[in-house]
Structures are given as structure tokens and as C-alpha cells.
Amino acid sequence: MNYHAWLAHFPKITSARYARLQAYFLDLKNLYYAELDEIVKAGLEENIAIEFLTWRDKNPIEKILERLQKENIYTVSLGEPNFPPLLSQINDPPHTLFVRGTLPTAERPTLAVVGTRRFTTYGKLVCEDLVAPLSAQGVIIVSGLALGIDGTAHTATLEAGGITIAVLGSGINKTHIFPSAHKPLAEKIIAAGGAVISEYPVDFLPTQYSFPARNRIIAGLSLGSLIIEAPLKSGALITARCALDYNREVLCVPHAITSPTGAGPNNLIKFGAKMVTEPNDILEALNLQEIKQIIPVKKEKIDINTPEGKILNYLTKEPKNINQIILETKIDSATMGATLAIMEIKGQIKNTGGMNYIKK
């Protein structure tokens, strides 16, 4: 019987209370049958102990374990061999993790990648450009499954054939994945060999406090945290603060000084966070010498005087509208339309929507 998993379902079982009960009873099976006076003697406040006994009567262990099995969820608890070592080293680790999928071995390097929900095209593209080559080389990407940069990081990892971990502020059973729009993404993460995890039990609904709390797990699981894009008031910056508290690396993507969503990373860089402009910056910061330096793919030489060459010479990572491109390159609209279509098929450029294009 997994008494750790059972105890983790009690709503008021904080890490401190869990530790006191574990230390006193040693085998939590004894807690399952303990009386009030013994539970109080173990260090649980009397009012909480009374609540616990009422809860225990209504929640037999067999019922809870059957539910977990039905949902394909298992647990790992602090002190157990398969509990993530990096996470166990922080000053406020979760006592138990609920897991769907496969937790990676301790030998695999991990990188947290976080950012705002209201991202810009620049933030999305930079996230993809940094995450894809790293995950393809075996770096496990940890993020929060939120809309925006988090979702981009998970998706870019999967598209590169990598493994990613999603840390939730809700229960991880299929009906409680939050946000609901990312339920399919959660299943893809699991199917690709990654995991969806939470410190919260089945059916837990997200709260105002559960999201900041899960950010400490994102940072705690990782060698470093990469902040892609975030305003000055952002949950992503909570992850950065946690990483600093845990003596882990904080890495940031630079932004224009006028960018509201870039103010967070810019400010962190100002105060000593490492600026990142390419994947190798991350490998160096995390001291991952065993991973080969990521070498940029050699680009095909294209005559700058051809329509294709003129377009590539003009485009950057900032979206340009087709009318701007025609005006600057002086290519007629018919040739422009045909050339852009061919270049998009070849993977040289990308339509970001509304006939706006960037260089890939």
C-alpha cells in the first residue's frame, strides 16, 4: 500500500506537517490506524488532527489508490530513490509529486523555459530557435503548460524530437489539466516520453496560490531557468527569483528597451543574469561540456540580385508585411507572391499571419 500517496490527498498536509508525521511514525501505515492523541503527539495541531481523522474515515486508502491507477497516475515522495535529486535540494521541496508519464533519469540535464502568456512574435520565434536545438541534443525542457511561451517551449521540444516536463498548478488527471486548451498538448508530452506532474492530488482545481507555488518546482527541477519574455509583473519572474534562491543559473533573452514584455528579462540582465542570444550560451552557462557545441546549419548561397536573394537580404526576425517587402525590394507583386510561396515551402521564411513574413 502506498501510504505516501494516500496522505498527499489530505488538503492540509503541508510539507512541514508531512515531515513531522513521517519522522514520528516512520511507517505511515501506523498513521493510518493512529488515534487522536498519538497524532497530536506526532506534531499535528489538535484542530488539524481532528480534521484529519474525519477525512481519513471518508477516504480509505484503497479508494484513493484505485482512482490513481484508473487515471494512470503514480507518486514519488521526498526521500524515495526516484524523487528528482535537484528538486530534493531546494529549501521548500514538495513532499510528494503526482506523475503521469515518465520522469527522466538524474543524468539528463534540465532547463526551465518560461515566459509571458501575452507573447510577441519575437518572443515566440526566439523561444523556438533556442529550445529546438537544445532539446534535440538531449536537454530536457521544463515548463508550466501555460498558454504563451510555456506552450511554445513544450511544442518546440516535441517537434525537435525531445523530451519535456510540464509542471501544473492543478490536478493532472485528464479532466483537470489546466488550461483546458492544452489537454491535447499534455497527452503529446506523455506520449513522447515526457511527464505531466503536480504536487496537487487528483481533482485539485487551480487557485491563486497554486501557480506561484508550482513555479518553485519548475525552477527546482532545473539546472537553470531561461526567461524568454516577461513584463515586470509576471509569474515567469517568480521562477527566476526561485532559481536565484536555489543558487541556480538565471538566463535571459534581451529585448528592445521599449518592449513592455521584455522589461522583465532586460531588468534581470541589468542585475547580473546571463544574456542569451544563441543555444551555445546556455550550454556554457550550465557547464554542459558533454553536449557538443551546437553548430549553425550552413546556409545555401543565394544570389543577392535574384528575387529570392533580395527578399532574404531584407527580412529579419521582425515581421514585415508583403507590401513593405514589395516597396523595399522593388519586386512586382506577381513575382513576389510566387517567390514567397516557394521560399515558405523551402523553409527559408515563415508567414506569421496577415501576410507578414520573417526569415527562418
Protein backbone atom coordinates (compact mmCIF):
# COMPACT_ATOMS: atom_id res chain seq x y z
CA MET A 1 0.00 0.00 0.00
CA ASN A 2 1.30 3.46 -0.92
CA TYR A 3 0.54 5.43 2.24
CA HIS A 4 2.56 8.40 0.94
CA ALA A 5 0.14 8.80 -1.99
CA TRP A 6 -2.82 8.45 0.35
CA LEU A 7 -1.55 11.06 2.83
CA ALA A 8 -0.77 13.52 0.00
CA HIS A 9 -4.52 13.75 -0.69
CA PHE A 10 -5.25 15.31 2.71
CA PRO A 11 -5.91 19.00 1.82
CA LYS A 12 -4.00 20.43 4.81
CA ILE A 13 -0.90 18.24 4.64
CA THR A 14 1.84 20.83 4.23
CA SER A 15 5.46 19.81 3.77
CA ALA A 16 6.22 20.65 7.41
CA ARG A 17 3.31 18.55 8.72
CA TYR A 18 4.21 15.73 6.38
CA ALA A 19 7.80 15.74 7.64
CA ARG A 20 6.70 15.65 11.30
CA LEU A 21 4.32 12.74 10.71
CA GLN A 22 6.91 10.86 8.66
CA ALA A 23 9.57 11.33 11.34
CA TYR A 24 7.30 10.21 14.16
CA PHE A 25 5.55 7.23 12.56
CA LEU A 26 8.41 6.15 10.25
CA ASP A 27 5.99 3.78 8.51
CA LEU A 28 2.92 5.82 7.50
CA LYS A 29 0.83 2.67 7.80
CA ASN A 30 0.91 3.36 11.55
CA LEU A 31 -0.60 6.81 10.93
CA TYR A 32 -3.45 5.15 9.05
CA TYR A 33 -4.54 3.43 12.27
CA ALA A 34 -3.38 6.02 14.84
CA GLU A 35 -5.67 7.65 17.40
CA LEU A 36 -6.01 11.39 18.05
CA ASP A 37 -3.63 11.63 21.00
CA GLU A 38 -0.84 9.89 19.10
CA ILE A 39 -1.32 12.09 16.03
CA VAL A 40 -1.14 15.21 18.21
CA LYS A 41 1.96 13.80 19.90
CA ALA A 42 3.50 13.42 16.41
CA GLY A 43 3.27 17.20 15.97
CA LEU A 44 -0.04 17.81 14.23
CA GLU A 45 -2.09 20.68 15.69
CA GLU A 46 -5.14 19.33 17.52
CA ASN A 47 -7.71 21.04 15.29
CA ILE A 48 -5.89 19.79 12.17
CA ALA A 49 -5.62 16.31 13.68
CA ILE A 50 -9.39 16.23 14.24
CA GLU A 51 -9.97 17.31 10.65
CA PHE A 52 -7.54 14.63 9.51
CA LEU A 53 -9.40 11.88 11.36
CA THR A 54 -12.70 12.96 9.80
CA TRP A 55 -11.05 12.99 6.38
CA ARG A 56 -9.40 9.61 6.99
CA ASP A 57 -12.74 7.97 7.76
CA LYS A 58 -14.16 9.20 4.44
CA ASN A 59 -11.09 8.44 2.32
CA PRO A 60 -9.86 4.86 2.70
CA ILE A 61 -6.54 4.16 1.04
CA GLU A 62 -8.00 1.54 -1.30
CA LYS A 63 -10.38 4.09 -2.80
CA ILE A 64 -7.60 6.64 -3.42
CA LEU A 65 -5.13 4.16 -4.92
CA GLU A 66 -7.82 2.73 -7.20
CA ARG A 67 -8.53 6.20 -8.51
CA LEU A 68 -4.84 6.86 -9.19
CA GLN A 69 -4.49 3.56 -11.04
CA LYS A 70 -7.54 4.35 -13.14
CA GLU A 71 -6.03 7.70 -14.14
CA ASN A 72 -2.55 6.18 -14.81
CA ILE A 73 -1.08 8.40 -12.10
CA TYR A 74 1.71 7.40 -9.74
CA THR A 75 3.51 9.29 -6.99
CA VAL A 76 7.09 9.87 -5.87
CA SER A 77 7.76 11.21 -2.39
CA LEU A 78 10.67 13.05 -0.83
CA GLY A 79 13.28 10.58 0.33
CA GLU A 80 12.36 7.90 -2.19
CA PRO A 81 15.07 6.88 -4.70
CA ASN A 82 13.19 8.10 -7.78
CA PHE A 83 12.39 11.56 -6.38
CA PRO A 84 14.19 14.12 -8.64
CA PRO A 85 17.54 14.86 -6.92
CA LEU A 86 17.71 18.52 -7.98
CA LEU A 87 14.24 19.14 -6.58
CA SER A 88 15.10 17.50 -3.27
CA GLN A 89 17.94 20.01 -2.81
CA ILE A 90 15.77 23.15 -2.64
CA ASN A 91 14.74 24.62 0.72
CA ASP A 92 10.99 24.07 0.19
CA PRO A 93 10.53 20.90 -1.91
CA PRO A 94 7.10 19.32 -2.37
CA HIS A 95 6.69 16.26 -0.16
CA THR A 96 5.01 14.32 -2.98
CA LEU A 97 4.74 14.60 -6.76
CA PHE A 98 1.83 13.20 -8.75
CA VAL A 99 3.08 12.00 -12.14
CA ARG A 100 1.62 10.95 -15.47
CA GLY A 101 4.26 9.81 -17.89
CA THR A 102 7.96 9.17 -17.36
CA LEU A 103 10.28 11.13 -15.08
CA PRO A 104 13.75 11.42 -16.66
CA THR A 105 16.82 9.93 -15.07
CA ALA A 106 19.02 12.21 -12.96
CA GLU A 107 21.75 12.09 -15.63
CA ARG A 108 19.70 14.08 -18.15
CA PRO A 109 20.29 17.87 -17.98
CA THR A 110 17.19 20.00 -17.42
CA LEU A 111 16.41 23.59 -18.39
CA ALA A 112 13.36 25.59 -17.31
CA VAL A 113 11.92 27.77 -20.08
CA VAL A 114 9.24 30.26 -19.07
CA GLY A 115 7.62 33.47 -20.24
CA THR A 116 4.51 35.53 -20.56
CA ARG A 117 1.16 34.35 -21.89
CA ARG A 118 0.92 37.54 -23.97
CA PHE A 119 4.00 36.93 -26.05
CA THR A 120 5.21 38.76 -29.14
CA THR A 121 6.22 37.19 -32.44
CA TYR A 122 9.83 37.91 -31.48
CA GLY A 123 9.46 36.05 -28.19
CA LYS A 124 7.85 33.03 -29.83
CA LEU A 125 10.50 32.77 -32.55
CA VAL A 126 13.41 33.20 -30.16
CA CYS A 127 11.92 30.53 -27.90
CA GLU A 128 11.69 28.10 -30.81
CA ASP A 129 15.20 28.93 -32.04
CA LEU A 130 16.75 28.32 -28.61
CA VAL A 131 14.69 25.35 -27.43
CA ALA A 132 14.67 23.19 -30.58
CA PRO A 133 18.45 22.60 -30.94
CA LEU A 134 18.93 22.13 -27.19
CA SER A 135 16.15 19.57 -26.86
CA ALA A 136 17.37 17.77 -29.98
CA GLN A 137 20.72 17.30 -28.18
CA GLY A 138 19.12 15.79 -25.08
CA VAL A 139 18.40 18.75 -22.81
CA ILE A 140 15.03 18.20 -21.10
CA ILE A 141 12.81 21.28 -21.21
CA VAL A 142 10.73 22.04 -18.11
CA SER A 143 7.84 24.50 -18.27
CA GLY A 144 4.35 25.16 -16.93
CA LEU A 145 1.98 24.19 -19.81
CA ALA A 146 0.52 27.71 -19.70
CA LEU A 147 -0.67 29.50 -22.81
CA GLY A 148 2.01 31.58 -24.50
CA ILE A 149 5.74 30.98 -24.10
CA ASP A 150 5.29 27.86 -21.94
CA GLY A 151 3.21 26.15 -24.63
CA THR A 152 5.68 27.27 -27.30
CA ALA A 153 8.59 25.72 -25.35
CA HIS A 154 6.78 22.39 -24.96
CA THR A 155 5.72 22.32 -28.62
CA ALA A 156 9.17 23.27 -29.96
CA THR A 157 10.68 20.46 -27.87
CA LEU A 158 8.25 17.87 -29.21
CA GLU A 159 8.78 18.99 -32.80
CA ALA A 160 12.54 18.58 -32.31
CA GLY A 161 12.04 15.04 -31.01
CA GLY A 162 12.97 16.00 -27.45
CA ILE A 163 11.53 15.33 -24.00
CA THR A 164 9.69 17.89 -21.93
CA ILE A 165 8.13 18.07 -18.45
CA ALA A 166 5.01 20.11 -17.71
CA VAL A 167 4.52 21.26 -14.10
CA LEU A 168 0.93 22.12 -13.28
CA GLY A 169 -0.81 24.18 -10.62
CA SER A 170 -3.80 21.83 -10.81
CA GLY A 171 -4.50 18.13 -10.65
CA ILE A 172 -3.02 16.13 -13.53
CA ASN A 173 -5.94 13.81 -14.25
CA LYS A 174 -7.27 14.38 -17.76
CA THR A 175 -10.36 16.35 -16.73
CA HIS A 176 -8.41 18.78 -14.54
CA ILE A 177 -5.49 19.70 -16.85
CA PHE A 178 -5.24 23.49 -16.86
CA PRO A 179 -5.51 25.31 -19.17
CA SER A 180 -8.05 23.02 -20.84
CA ALA A 181 -6.87 24.21 -24.28
CA HIS A 182 -3.60 22.38 -23.61
CA LYS A 183 -5.11 19.00 -22.75
CA PRO A 184 -4.02 17.60 -26.17
CA LEU A 185 -0.52 19.04 -25.65
CA ALA A 186 -0.30 17.30 -22.26
CA GLU A 187 -1.11 13.96 -23.87
CA LYS A 188 1.52 14.54 -26.58
CA ILE A 189 4.13 15.29 -23.91
CA ILE A 190 3.37 11.99 -22.17
CA ALA A 191 3.29 10.01 -25.42
CA ALA A 192 6.72 11.41 -26.39
CA GLY A 193 8.35 10.09 -23.22
CA GLY A 194 7.93 13.15 -21.02
CA ALA A 195 5.76 13.77 -17.99
CA VAL A 196 2.98 15.94 -16.61
CA ILE A 197 3.48 16.48 -12.88
CA SER A 198 1.98 18.34 -9.94
CA GLU A 199 2.21 18.46 -6.16
CA TYR A 200 -1.58 18.61 -6.10
CA PRO A 201 -3.78 15.50 -5.99
CA VAL A 202 -6.44 14.32 -8.42
CA ASP A 203 -9.34 16.77 -8.95
CA PHE A 204 -7.44 19.74 -7.47
CA LEU A 205 -8.64 22.96 -9.08
CA PRO A 206 -6.04 25.71 -9.64
CA THR A 207 -6.02 28.59 -7.19
CA GLN A 208 -4.36 31.96 -6.90
CA TYR A 209 -1.58 30.47 -4.78
CA SER A 210 -1.03 27.20 -6.67
CA PHE A 211 0.56 28.82 -9.73
CA PRO A 212 3.28 30.74 -7.87
CA ALA A 213 3.90 27.59 -5.82
CA ARG A 214 4.37 25.43 -8.91
CA ASN A 215 6.96 27.90 -10.25
CA ARG A 216 9.33 26.86 -7.46
CA ILE A 217 9.06 23.27 -8.73
CA ILE A 218 9.86 24.37 -12.29
CA ALA A 219 12.99 26.13 -11.03
CA GLY A 220 13.84 23.36 -8.58
CA LEU A 221 13.77 20.65 -11.26
CA SER A 222 16.21 22.57 -13.45
CA LEU A 223 19.90 23.42 -13.64
CA GLY A 224 18.89 26.89 -14.80
CA SER A 225 15.88 28.96 -15.81
CA LEU A 226 15.63 30.71 -19.18
CA ILE A 227 13.32 33.72 -19.17
CA ILE A 228 12.21 34.32 -22.75
CA GLU A 229 9.82 37.25 -22.39
CA ALA A 230 8.00 38.75 -19.40
CA PRO A 231 6.70 42.10 -18.18
CA LEU A 232 7.89 43.40 -14.81
CA LYS A 233 4.89 41.79 -13.08
CA SER A 234 4.89 38.21 -14.33
CA GLY A 235 4.78 34.67 -12.97
CA ALA A 236 7.88 33.93 -15.04
CA LEU A 237 9.86 36.27 -12.79
CA ILE A 238 8.76 34.24 -9.76
CA THR A 239 10.53 31.29 -11.40
CA ALA A 240 13.63 33.47 -11.84
CA ARG A 241 13.58 34.52 -8.18
CA CYS A 242 13.22 30.89 -7.10
CA ALA A 243 16.18 29.91 -9.29
CA LEU A 244 18.28 32.62 -7.65
CA ASP A 245 17.21 31.43 -4.18
CA TYR A 246 18.25 27.89 -5.10
CA ASN A 247 21.62 29.05 -6.47
CA ARG A 248 20.69 28.02 -9.99
CA GLU A 249 21.51 29.89 -13.20
CA VAL A 250 19.15 32.59 -14.50
CA LEU A 251 19.39 33.17 -18.24
CA CYS A 252 17.55 35.87 -20.17
CA VAL A 253 16.78 36.83 -23.75
CA PRO A 254 17.46 40.54 -24.44
CA HIS A 255 14.69 42.77 -25.80
CA ALA A 256 14.30 46.29 -27.15
CA ILE A 257 14.31 48.80 -24.29
CA THR A 258 10.84 49.97 -25.38
CA SER A 259 9.31 46.49 -25.15
CA PRO A 260 6.84 46.13 -22.21
CA THR A 261 7.03 42.33 -22.37
CA GLY A 262 10.81 42.48 -22.49
CA ALA A 263 11.18 44.64 -19.39
CA GLY A 264 11.49 41.63 -17.07
CA PRO A 265 14.43 39.91 -18.83
CA ASN A 266 16.13 43.24 -19.52
CA ASN A 267 15.94 44.14 -15.83
CA LEU A 268 17.34 40.75 -14.78
CA ILE A 269 20.24 41.15 -17.22
CA LYS A 270 20.92 44.59 -15.76
CA PHE A 271 21.30 42.99 -12.32
CA GLY A 272 23.59 40.17 -13.40
CA ALA A 273 21.55 37.46 -15.16
CA LYS A 274 23.34 35.92 -18.15
CA MET A 275 22.25 37.28 -21.51
CA VAL A 276 21.46 34.59 -24.06
CA THR A 277 21.48 35.06 -27.82
CA GLU A 278 22.17 31.50 -29.01
CA PRO A 279 21.90 27.91 -27.70
CA ASN A 280 25.65 27.66 -27.02
CA ASP A 281 25.34 30.46 -24.44
CA ILE A 282 23.05 28.16 -22.46
CA LEU A 283 25.37 25.14 -22.75
CA GLU A 284 28.24 27.27 -21.49
CA ALA A 285 26.26 28.74 -18.58
CA LEU A 286 25.04 25.33 -17.44
CA ASN A 287 28.51 23.82 -17.81
CA LEU A 288 27.28 21.09 -20.14
CA GLN A 289 30.57 20.17 -21.78
CA GLU A 290 29.34 16.66 -22.58
CA ILE A 291 26.93 18.14 -25.11
CA LYS A 292 28.62 19.05 -28.35
CA GLN A 293 28.62 22.68 -29.34
CA ILE A 294 25.61 23.43 -31.48
CA ILE A 295 26.91 24.37 -34.91
CA PRO A 296 24.69 26.52 -37.10
CA VAL A 297 23.50 24.81 -40.28
CA LYS A 298 25.40 26.03 -43.34
CA LYS A 299 23.16 28.20 -45.44
CA GLU A 300 22.81 27.84 -49.17
CA LYS A 301 24.48 30.71 -51.02
CA ILE A 302 21.85 32.71 -52.88
CA ASP A 303 22.49 35.43 -55.42
CA ILE A 304 21.51 38.70 -53.76
CA ASN A 305 20.32 40.08 -57.10
CA THR A 306 17.60 37.43 -57.54
CA PRO A 307 14.09 37.97 -56.08
CA GLU A 308 14.84 35.26 -53.50
CA GLY A 309 18.14 36.92 -52.55
CA LYS A 310 16.60 40.37 -52.26
CA ILE A 311 13.82 39.09 -50.01
CA LEU A 312 16.22 37.17 -47.73
CA ASN A 313 18.52 40.17 -47.54
CA TYR A 314 15.64 42.37 -46.41
CA LEU A 315 13.81 40.06 -44.00
CA THR A 316 14.79 39.70 -40.33
CA LYS A 317 13.18 38.08 -37.28
CA GLU A 318 10.80 41.04 -37.09
CA PRO A 319 7.65 40.50 -39.21
CA LYS A 320 7.43 42.52 -42.42
CA ASN A 321 4.23 42.92 -44.38
CA ILE A 322 4.20 41.89 -48.03
CA ASN A 323 3.55 45.50 -49.06
CA GLN A 324 6.66 46.63 -47.17
CA ILE A 325 8.70 43.90 -48.85
CA ILE A 326 7.49 44.90 -52.32
CA LEU A 327 8.24 48.56 -51.60
CA GLU A 328 11.78 47.90 -50.33
CA THR A 329 12.85 45.23 -52.81
CA LYS A 330 11.05 46.74 -55.85
CA ILE A 331 9.82 43.28 -56.90
CA ASP A 332 6.45 43.27 -58.72
CA SER A 333 3.50 41.77 -56.82
CA ALA A 334 3.06 38.73 -59.09
CA THR A 335 6.72 37.70 -58.76
CA MET A 336 6.62 38.48 -55.05
CA GLY A 337 3.64 36.20 -54.39
CA ALA A 338 5.16 33.27 -56.28
CA THR A 339 8.63 33.72 -54.73
CA LEU A 340 7.29 33.96 -51.17
CA ALA A 341 5.26 30.78 -51.67
CA ILE A 342 8.32 28.85 -52.91
CA MET A 343 10.53 30.23 -50.13
CA GLU A 344 7.98 29.22 -47.50
CA ILE A 345 7.90 25.66 -48.86
CA LYS A 346 11.72 25.57 -48.75
CA GLY A 347 11.64 26.66 -45.10
CA GLN A 348 13.55 29.89 -45.71
CA ILE A 349 10.79 32.17 -44.46
CA LYS A 350 7.64 31.94 -42.37
CA ASN A 351 4.24 33.60 -42.71
CA THR A 352 3.34 34.80 -39.21
CA GLY A 353 -0.21 35.73 -40.27
CA GLY A 354 -1.77 38.60 -42.17
CA MET A 355 0.79 38.27 -44.99
CA ASN A 356 3.59 39.20 -42.61
CA TYR A 357 6.88 37.35 -43.12
CA ILE A 358 10.07 36.66 -41.18
CA LYS A 359 13.36 34.99 -42.02
CA LYS A 360 13.55 31.47 -40.55
